[in-house]
Structure formats: C-alpha cells, structure tokens
C-alpha atoms as a PDB file:
ATOM      1  CA  HIS A   1      20.251  12.552   2.531  1.00  0.00           C
ATOM      2  CA  LEU A   2      18.884  10.456   0.619  1.00  0.00           C
ATOM      3  CA  PRO A   3      18.486   6.381   1.222  1.00  0.00           C
ATOM      4  CA  SER A   4      20.967   4.168   0.647  1.00  0.00           C
ATOM      5  CA  TYR A   5      17.688   2.079  -1.839  1.00  0.00           C
ATOM      6  CA  LEU A   6      17.833   4.907  -3.851  1.00  0.00           C
ATOM      7  CA  ASP A   7      20.672   3.961  -5.425  1.00  0.00           C
ATOM      8  CA  LYS A   8      19.642   0.675  -6.686  1.00  0.00           C
ATOM      9  CA  PRO A   9      19.108   0.318 -10.786  1.00  0.00           C
ATOM     10  CA  VAL A  10      15.295  -0.264 -11.737  1.00  0.00           C
ATOM     11  CA  SER A  11      14.731  -0.973 -15.063  1.00  0.00           C
ATOM     12  CA  LYS A  12      13.916   1.811 -17.769  1.00  0.00           C
ATOM     13  CA  ALA A  13      10.201   0.614 -17.850  1.00  0.00           C
ATOM     14  CA  LEU A  14       9.296   0.633 -14.058  1.00  0.00           C
ATOM     15  CA  GLU A  15      10.427   3.802 -14.600  1.00  0.00           C
ATOM     16  CA  GLU A  16       9.049   4.514 -17.592  1.00  0.00           C
ATOM     17  CA  ALA A  17       5.166   3.588 -15.619  1.00  0.00           C
ATOM     18  CA  VAL A  18       6.166   5.158 -12.519  1.00  0.00           C
ATOM     19  CA  THR A  19       6.745   8.571 -14.077  1.00  0.00           C
ATOM     20  CA  ASP A  20       3.617   7.338 -15.972  1.00  0.00           C
ATOM     21  CA  ILE A  21       1.406   6.787 -12.883  1.00  0.00           C
ATOM     22  CA  LEU A  22       2.816   9.579 -10.257  1.00  0.00           C
ATOM     23  CA  VAL A  23       1.873  11.818 -13.499  1.00  0.00           C
ATOM     24  CA  ASP A  24      -1.158  10.714 -13.853  1.00  0.00           C
ATOM     25  CA  THR A  25      -1.312  10.816 -17.760  1.00  0.00           C
ATOM     26  CA  SER A  26      -2.303   7.501 -17.632  1.00  0.00           C
ATOM     27  CA  ASP A  27      -6.090   6.672 -17.975  1.00  0.00           C
ATOM     28  CA  PRO A  28      -7.626   4.676 -15.146  1.00  0.00           C
ATOM     29  CA  GLU A  29      -7.284   1.249 -17.263  1.00  0.00           C
ATOM     30  CA  THR A  30      -3.380   1.527 -17.758  1.00  0.00           C
ATOM     31  CA  ARG A  31      -3.121   2.099 -14.316  1.00  0.00           C
ATOM     32  CA  VAL A  32      -4.505  -1.021 -13.177  1.00  0.00           C
ATOM     33  CA  LYS A  33      -3.016  -3.147 -15.449  1.00  0.00           C
ATOM     34  CA  PHE A  34       0.565  -1.568 -13.887  1.00  0.00           C
ATOM     35  CA  TYR A  35      -0.388  -2.574 -10.491  1.00  0.00           C
ATOM     36  CA  ASP A  36      -1.433  -6.211 -11.503  1.00  0.00           C
ATOM     37  CA  SER A  37       1.567  -6.294 -13.502  1.00  0.00           C
ATOM     38  CA  TRP A  38       3.801  -5.361 -10.063  1.00  0.00           C
ATOM     39  CA  SER A  39       2.020  -6.914  -7.317  1.00  0.00           C
ATOM     40  CA  GLU A  40       4.092  -9.973  -6.991  1.00  0.00           C
ATOM     41  CA  LYS A  41       7.325  -7.376  -6.209  1.00  0.00           C
ATOM     42  CA  TYR A  42       5.055  -4.893  -4.890  1.00  0.00           C
ATOM     43  CA  GLU A  43       5.763  -5.778  -1.252  1.00  0.00           C
ATOM     44  CA  GLU A  44       9.263  -6.658  -2.089  1.00  0.00           C
ATOM     45  CA  ASP A  45       9.887  -3.408  -4.330  1.00  0.00           C
ATOM     46  CA  LEU A  46       8.261  -1.311  -1.668  1.00  0.00           C
ATOM     47  CA  VAL A  47       8.898  -2.534   2.048  1.00  0.00           C
ATOM     48  CA  VAL A  48      11.963  -4.763   1.511  1.00  0.00           C
ATOM     49  CA  ILE A  49      13.931  -2.802  -1.012  1.00  0.00           C
ATOM     50  CA  GLY A  50      11.840   0.902  -0.747  1.00  0.00           C
ATOM     51  CA  HIS A  51      12.072   1.014   3.151  1.00  0.00           C
ATOM     52  CA  TYR A  52       7.910   1.555   3.376  1.00  0.00           C
ATOM     53  CA  THR A  53       6.125   2.131   5.817  1.00  0.00           C
ATOM     54  CA  GLY A  54       3.395   4.388   5.446  1.00  0.00           C
ATOM     55  CA  HIS A  55       0.819   1.746   6.232  1.00  0.00           C
ATOM     56  CA  MET A  56       2.442   1.792   9.888  1.00  0.00           C
ATOM     57  CA  LYS A  57       2.853   5.186   9.700  1.00  0.00           C
ATOM     58  CA  CYS A  58      -1.635   4.653   8.865  1.00  0.00           C
ATOM     59  CA  VAL A  59      -2.441   2.349  11.608  1.00  0.00           C
ATOM     60  CA  GLU A  60      -0.616   4.316  14.103  1.00  0.00           C
ATOM     61  CA  ALA A  61      -2.675   7.223  13.162  1.00  0.00           C
ATOM     62  CA  PHE A  62      -5.759   4.885  13.431  1.00  0.00           C
ATOM     63  CA  LEU A  63      -4.858   3.777  16.825  1.00  0.00           C
ATOM     64  CA  LYS A  64      -4.806   6.979  17.947  1.00  0.00           C
ATOM     65  CA  LEU A  65      -8.230   7.619  17.030  1.00  0.00           C
ATOM     66  CA  VAL A  66      -9.726   4.848  17.884  1.00  0.00           C
ATOM     67  CA  HIS A  67      -8.122   4.939  21.765  1.00  0.00           C
ATOM     68  CA  GLU A  68      -9.550   8.866  21.514  1.00  0.00           C
ATOM     69  CA  LEU A  69     -12.981   7.582  19.976  1.00  0.00           C
ATOM     70  CA  CYS A  70     -12.930   4.634  22.746  1.00  0.00           C
ATOM     71  CA  PHE A  71     -13.773   2.436  19.373  1.00  0.00           C
ATOM     72  CA  SER A  72     -13.814  -1.221  20.575  1.00  0.00           C
ATOM     73  CA  HIS A  73     -11.719  -3.650  17.917  1.00  0.00           C
ATOM     74  CA  ASN A  74     -14.851  -4.928  17.145  1.00  0.00           C
ATOM     75  CA  ILE A  75     -15.225  -1.981  14.652  1.00  0.00           C
ATOM     76  CA  GLN A  76     -15.870  -2.542  10.959  1.00  0.00           C
ATOM     77  CA  ILE A  77     -12.999  -1.695   8.622  1.00  0.00           C
ATOM     78  CA  LEU A  78     -12.953  -0.930   4.846  1.00  0.00           C
ATOM     79  CA  ASP A  79      -9.997  -0.655   3.758  1.00  0.00           C
ATOM     80  CA  VAL A  80      -9.962   1.079   0.392  1.00  0.00           C
ATOM     81  CA  ALA A  81      -7.012   1.038  -2.325  1.00  0.00           C
ATOM     82  CA  ALA A  82      -6.163  -1.531  -0.473  1.00  0.00           C
ATOM     83  CA  GLY A  83      -3.363  -3.725  -2.874  1.00  0.00           C
ATOM     84  CA  THR A  84      -1.720  -6.622  -1.116  1.00  0.00           C
ATOM     85  CA  GLY A  85      -3.210  -5.831   2.289  1.00  0.00           C
ATOM     86  CA  LEU A  86       0.046  -4.428   4.073  1.00  0.00           C
ATOM     87  CA  LEU A  87      -2.326  -2.370   6.196  1.00  0.00           C
ATOM     88  CA  GLY A  88      -4.527  -4.743   6.410  1.00  0.00           C
ATOM     89  CA  ALA A  89      -2.515  -7.421   7.658  1.00  0.00           C
ATOM     90  CA  GLU A  90      -1.306  -3.977  10.380  1.00  0.00           C
ATOM     91  CA  VAL A  91      -4.290  -3.437  11.755  1.00  0.00           C
ATOM     92  CA  VAL A  92      -4.697  -7.363  12.018  1.00  0.00           C
ATOM     93  CA  LYS A  93      -1.339  -6.893  14.306  1.00  0.00           C
ATOM     94  CA  HIS A  94      -2.766  -4.710  17.021  1.00  0.00           C
ATOM     95  CA  GLY A  95      -5.835  -7.280  17.519  1.00  0.00           C
ATOM     96  CA  PHE A  96      -8.521  -5.750  14.797  1.00  0.00           C
ATOM     97  CA  GLU A  97     -10.336  -8.549  13.008  1.00  0.00           C
ATOM     98  CA  ASN A  98     -13.310  -6.983  11.058  1.00  0.00           C
ATOM     99  CA  ILE A  99     -11.793  -6.144   8.243  1.00  0.00           C
ATOM    100  CA  ASP A 100     -13.038  -5.910   4.489  1.00  0.00           C
ATOM    101  CA  ALA A 101     -10.686  -4.927   1.037  1.00  0.00           C
ATOM    102  CA  VAL A 102     -11.318  -3.815  -2.150  1.00  0.00           C
ATOM    103  CA  ASP A 103      -8.856  -2.574  -4.897  1.00  0.00           C
ATOM    104  CA  SER A 104      -9.415  -1.519  -8.572  1.00  0.00           C
ATOM    105  CA  SER A 105      -6.110  -4.001  -9.126  1.00  0.00           C
ATOM    106  CA  LEU A 106      -6.723  -8.145  -9.367  1.00  0.00           C
ATOM    107  CA  GLY A 107      -3.473  -9.122  -9.263  1.00  0.00           C
ATOM    108  CA  ARG A 108      -2.374 -11.712 -11.011  1.00  0.00           C
END
C-alpha cells in the first residue's frame, strides 16, 4: 500500500524536473539550479508532505557506529551534499557539535 501523500498532485514542472534528476540526464549545472530553485520548499516537500526520514535513519546508523567504535561526541563530522542541513540538525540533537556541511547548491 502506497503512502497517502503520493496521491497529492504536483506541478508538471516539478514532476519533469524530478524525473530529469532521477534519470540523471541532466548536467551538474542543471542539477544545482534545480536544487537552488527548490531550496525554499525542500524541507516542507520532503519532510512535511513526503514524510521523509532518511536523515533520521542515517543518524541512527551513525550512532550505532559511534557506540561500537567508542568515538567521543567531540569527533569532527563532515556532511557532504548537506542540502538544507536536515542531517546536521539531527546529529546536533544527539550532542554532537563539530559539524561542517558542504553542498553544491547555494539555495536562493
């Protein structure tokens, strides 16, 4: 059974842009422009409407690794392709503070 949010309509432009990204027929500059234009609504679209939890699942796996390897909370973390910072914000909730983030999209 598919989640109910998949029944919500999206604009044709968004549908085409997402399809282009998923199929990866676009060049890097086009991808960056796509995410730049989406940045203001990115979290709302993914988290609120789409119920996205990938950042939380990633942090859960990270916490298991930290525990298993006995890392301290003072380790340095680099979030590559950070987007709007969902992952970094989730990591901070668990007491980590040394986080740097990079992304090719500058947002709007």
